[in-house]
């Protein structure tokens, strides 16, 4: 088993003008991503299976989580339980941990992101 890993230099996933993500492969049943958030999420989203934990490395923004607003800044940790609607807006670099890993069949974009930052 490989114990020390590096994020890839090539983008693993992206939404143009919103964010770029770099994904580590893991055999532990979790997903670890480095996200360079350029503007925020394009849509509010919900996950039917996965919990998300975000750690804000740098930058700032806002989050709407179940219609409650939060200011985000470097050093914050954000926990998103399953079936919780959320969206971010702002320019941030963050680490995301998902358990279990992302599954497009259980992901739902609910509405266009209308947050202002």
C-alpha atoms as a PDB file:
ATOM      1  CA  UNK A   1       0.000   0.000   0.000  1.00  0.00           C
ATOM      2  CA  UNK A   2       1.195   3.483  -0.837  1.00  0.00           C
ATOM      3  CA  UNK A   3       1.138   5.643   2.319  1.00  0.00           C
ATOM      4  CA  UNK A   4       2.303   9.004   0.966  1.00  0.00           C
ATOM      5  CA  UNK A   5       0.590  10.491  -2.082  1.00  0.00           C
ATOM      6  CA  UNK A   6       0.636  13.701  -4.068  1.00  0.00           C
ATOM      7  CA  UNK A   7      -2.230  15.399  -5.850  1.00  0.00           C
ATOM      8  CA  UNK A   8      -1.954  15.100  -9.641  1.00  0.00           C
ATOM      9  CA  UNK A   9      -0.710  18.080 -11.644  1.00  0.00           C
ATOM     10  CA  UNK A  10      -3.473  17.585 -14.226  1.00  0.00           C
ATOM     11  CA  UNK A  11      -7.049  18.668 -13.444  1.00  0.00           C
ATOM     12  CA  UNK A  12      -9.244  15.669 -12.490  1.00  0.00           C
ATOM     13  CA  UNK A  13     -12.595  17.493 -12.801  1.00  0.00           C
ATOM     14  CA  UNK A  14     -13.767  21.042 -13.401  1.00  0.00           C
ATOM     15  CA  UNK A  15     -16.678  23.315 -14.028  1.00  0.00           C
ATOM     16  CA  UNK A  16     -15.402  26.063 -16.329  1.00  0.00           C
ATOM     17  CA  UNK A  17     -15.212  29.480 -14.640  1.00  0.00           C
ATOM     18  CA  UNK A  18     -16.273  27.983 -11.277  1.00  0.00           C
ATOM     19  CA  UNK A  19     -13.708  25.493  -9.942  1.00  0.00           C
ATOM     20  CA  UNK A  20     -10.966  22.994 -10.743  1.00  0.00           C
ATOM     21  CA  UNK A  21     -10.437  19.798  -8.771  1.00  0.00           C
ATOM     22  CA  UNK A  22      -7.489  17.473  -8.307  1.00  0.00           C
ATOM     23  CA  UNK A  23      -8.376  14.015  -6.986  1.00  0.00           C
ATOM     24  CA  UNK A  24      -6.248  11.574  -5.024  1.00  0.00           C
ATOM     25  CA  UNK A  25      -6.980   7.927  -5.552  1.00  0.00           C
ATOM     26  CA  UNK A  26      -7.567   6.090  -2.292  1.00  0.00           C
ATOM     27  CA  UNK A  27      -8.121   2.465  -1.427  1.00  0.00           C
ATOM     28  CA  UNK A  28      -9.656   3.454   1.934  1.00  0.00           C
ATOM     29  CA  UNK A  29     -13.209   4.080   0.654  1.00  0.00           C
ATOM     30  CA  UNK A  30     -12.968   7.877   0.778  1.00  0.00           C
ATOM     31  CA  UNK A  31     -12.298  10.590  -1.790  1.00  0.00           C
ATOM     32  CA  UNK A  32      -9.790  13.378  -1.169  1.00  0.00           C
ATOM     33  CA  UNK A  33      -9.805  16.390  -3.496  1.00  0.00           C
ATOM     34  CA  UNK A  34      -7.860  19.622  -3.707  1.00  0.00           C
ATOM     35  CA  UNK A  35     -10.250  22.268  -5.043  1.00  0.00           C
ATOM     36  CA  UNK A  36      -9.273  25.596  -6.532  1.00  0.00           C
ATOM     37  CA  UNK A  37     -12.577  27.434  -6.318  1.00  0.00           C
ATOM     38  CA  UNK A  38     -12.513  30.291  -8.789  1.00  0.00           C
ATOM     39  CA  UNK A  39     -16.043  31.594  -8.270  1.00  0.00           C
ATOM     40  CA  UNK A  40     -18.057  28.994  -6.332  1.00  0.00           C
ATOM     41  CA  UNK A  41     -20.445  26.226  -7.278  1.00  0.00           C
ATOM     42  CA  UNK A  42     -22.528  26.694 -10.402  1.00  0.00           C
ATOM     43  CA  UNK A  43     -25.525  24.988  -8.731  1.00  0.00           C
ATOM     44  CA  UNK A  44     -26.782  24.155  -5.255  1.00  0.00           C
ATOM     45  CA  UNK A  45     -26.316  20.454  -4.688  1.00  0.00           C
ATOM     46  CA  UNK A  46     -27.311  17.488  -2.545  1.00  0.00           C
ATOM     47  CA  UNK A  47     -25.700  14.099  -2.100  1.00  0.00           C
ATOM     48  CA  UNK A  48     -27.867  11.108  -1.236  1.00  0.00           C
ATOM     49  CA  UNK A  49     -24.948   8.933  -0.030  1.00  0.00           C
ATOM     50  CA  UNK A  50     -21.857  11.026   0.655  1.00  0.00           C
ATOM     51  CA  UNK A  51     -20.875  13.317   3.481  1.00  0.00           C
ATOM     52  CA  UNK A  52     -18.527  16.180   2.599  1.00  0.00           C
ATOM     53  CA  UNK A  53     -15.893  17.741   4.811  1.00  0.00           C
ATOM     54  CA  UNK A  54     -14.159  20.854   3.463  1.00  0.00           C
ATOM     55  CA  UNK A  55     -11.117  22.537   4.976  1.00  0.00           C
ATOM     56  CA  UNK A  56     -10.487  26.064   3.689  1.00  0.00           C
ATOM     57  CA  UNK A  57      -6.758  26.490   3.054  1.00  0.00           C
ATOM     58  CA  UNK A  58      -6.867  30.071   1.782  1.00  0.00           C
ATOM     59  CA  UNK A  59      -9.266  32.673   0.499  1.00  0.00           C
ATOM     60  CA  UNK A  60     -12.782  33.515   1.599  1.00  0.00           C
ATOM     61  CA  UNK A  61     -16.378  33.119   0.566  1.00  0.00           C
ATOM     62  CA  UNK A  62     -19.859  32.272   1.734  1.00  0.00           C
ATOM     63  CA  UNK A  63     -21.869  29.088   1.994  1.00  0.00           C
ATOM     64  CA  UNK A  64     -25.564  28.389   2.031  1.00  0.00           C
ATOM     65  CA  UNK A  65     -26.241  25.152   3.923  1.00  0.00           C
ATOM     66  CA  UNK A  66     -29.911  24.180   4.266  1.00  0.00           C
ATOM     67  CA  UNK A  67     -30.771  27.855   3.582  1.00  0.00           C
ATOM     68  CA  UNK A  68     -28.558  29.165   6.416  1.00  0.00           C
ATOM     69  CA  UNK A  69     -25.710  31.521   5.439  1.00  0.00           C
ATOM     70  CA  UNK A  70     -22.119  31.189   6.673  1.00  0.00           C
ATOM     71  CA  UNK A  71     -19.012  33.312   6.077  1.00  0.00           C
ATOM     72  CA  UNK A  72     -15.997  31.172   5.156  1.00  0.00           C
ATOM     73  CA  UNK A  73     -12.320  31.984   5.620  1.00  0.00           C
ATOM     74  CA  UNK A  74      -8.967  30.281   5.804  1.00  0.00           C
ATOM     75  CA  UNK A  75      -8.858  27.728   8.629  1.00  0.00           C
ATOM     76  CA  UNK A  76     -12.596  26.927   8.608  1.00  0.00           C
ATOM     77  CA  UNK A  77     -13.888  23.358   8.392  1.00  0.00           C
ATOM     78  CA  UNK A  78     -17.324  22.781   6.853  1.00  0.00           C
ATOM     79  CA  UNK A  79     -19.274  19.544   7.407  1.00  0.00           C
ATOM     80  CA  UNK A  80     -22.119  18.679   5.019  1.00  0.00           C
ATOM     81  CA  UNK A  81     -24.268  15.657   6.012  1.00  0.00           C
ATOM     82  CA  UNK A  82     -26.065  13.559   3.403  1.00  0.00           C
ATOM     83  CA  UNK A  83     -29.281  15.005   1.904  1.00  0.00           C
ATOM     84  CA  UNK A  84     -28.236  18.551   2.814  1.00  0.00           C
ATOM     85  CA  UNK A  85     -28.589  21.259   0.158  1.00  0.00           C
ATOM     86  CA  UNK A  86     -25.517  23.494  -0.122  1.00  0.00           C
ATOM     87  CA  UNK A  87     -23.568  25.864  -2.353  1.00  0.00           C
ATOM     88  CA  UNK A  88     -20.409  27.960  -1.994  1.00  0.00           C
ATOM     89  CA  UNK A  89     -19.495  31.299  -3.553  1.00  0.00           C
ATOM     90  CA  UNK A  90     -16.085  32.952  -3.421  1.00  0.00           C
ATOM     91  CA  UNK A  91     -12.448  32.416  -4.281  1.00  0.00           C
ATOM     92  CA  UNK A  92     -10.936  29.696  -2.090  1.00  0.00           C
ATOM     93  CA  UNK A  93      -8.466  26.840  -2.092  1.00  0.00           C
ATOM     94  CA  UNK A  94      -9.704  23.872  -0.083  1.00  0.00           C
ATOM     95  CA  UNK A  95      -9.376  20.196   0.682  1.00  0.00           C
ATOM     96  CA  UNK A  96     -12.549  18.112   0.337  1.00  0.00           C
ATOM     97  CA  UNK A  97     -13.056  14.667   1.849  1.00  0.00           C
ATOM     98  CA  UNK A  98     -16.079  12.646   0.709  1.00  0.00           C
ATOM     99  CA  UNK A  99     -17.251   9.401   2.239  1.00  0.00           C
ATOM    100  CA  UNK A 100     -18.147   7.384   0.233  1.00  0.00           C
ATOM    101  CA  UNK A 101     -16.523   8.799  -2.926  1.00  0.00           C
ATOM    102  CA  UNK A 102     -18.504  10.860  -5.442  1.00  0.00           C
ATOM    103  CA  UNK A 103     -21.167   8.931  -7.342  1.00  0.00           C
ATOM    104  CA  UNK A 104     -22.957  10.808 -10.153  1.00  0.00           C
ATOM    105  CA  UNK A 105     -26.037   8.605  -9.618  1.00  0.00           C
ATOM    106  CA  UNK A 106     -26.550   9.952  -6.083  1.00  0.00           C
ATOM    107  CA  UNK A 107     -25.612  13.585  -6.834  1.00  0.00           C
ATOM    108  CA  UNK A 108     -28.346  16.163  -7.481  1.00  0.00           C
ATOM    109  CA  UNK A 109     -27.999  19.749  -8.734  1.00  0.00           C
ATOM    110  CA  UNK A 110     -31.069  21.426  -7.238  1.00  0.00           C
ATOM    111  CA  UNK A 111     -31.041  25.018  -8.567  1.00  0.00           C
ATOM    112  CA  UNK A 112     -28.741  27.700 -10.000  1.00  0.00           C
ATOM    113  CA  UNK A 113     -26.392  29.229  -7.418  1.00  0.00           C
ATOM    114  CA  UNK A 114     -27.786  32.691  -6.604  1.00  0.00           C
ATOM    115  CA  UNK A 115     -25.334  33.610  -3.825  1.00  0.00           C
ATOM    116  CA  UNK A 116     -23.634  37.015  -3.966  1.00  0.00           C
ATOM    117  CA  UNK A 117     -20.134  37.499  -2.614  1.00  0.00           C
END
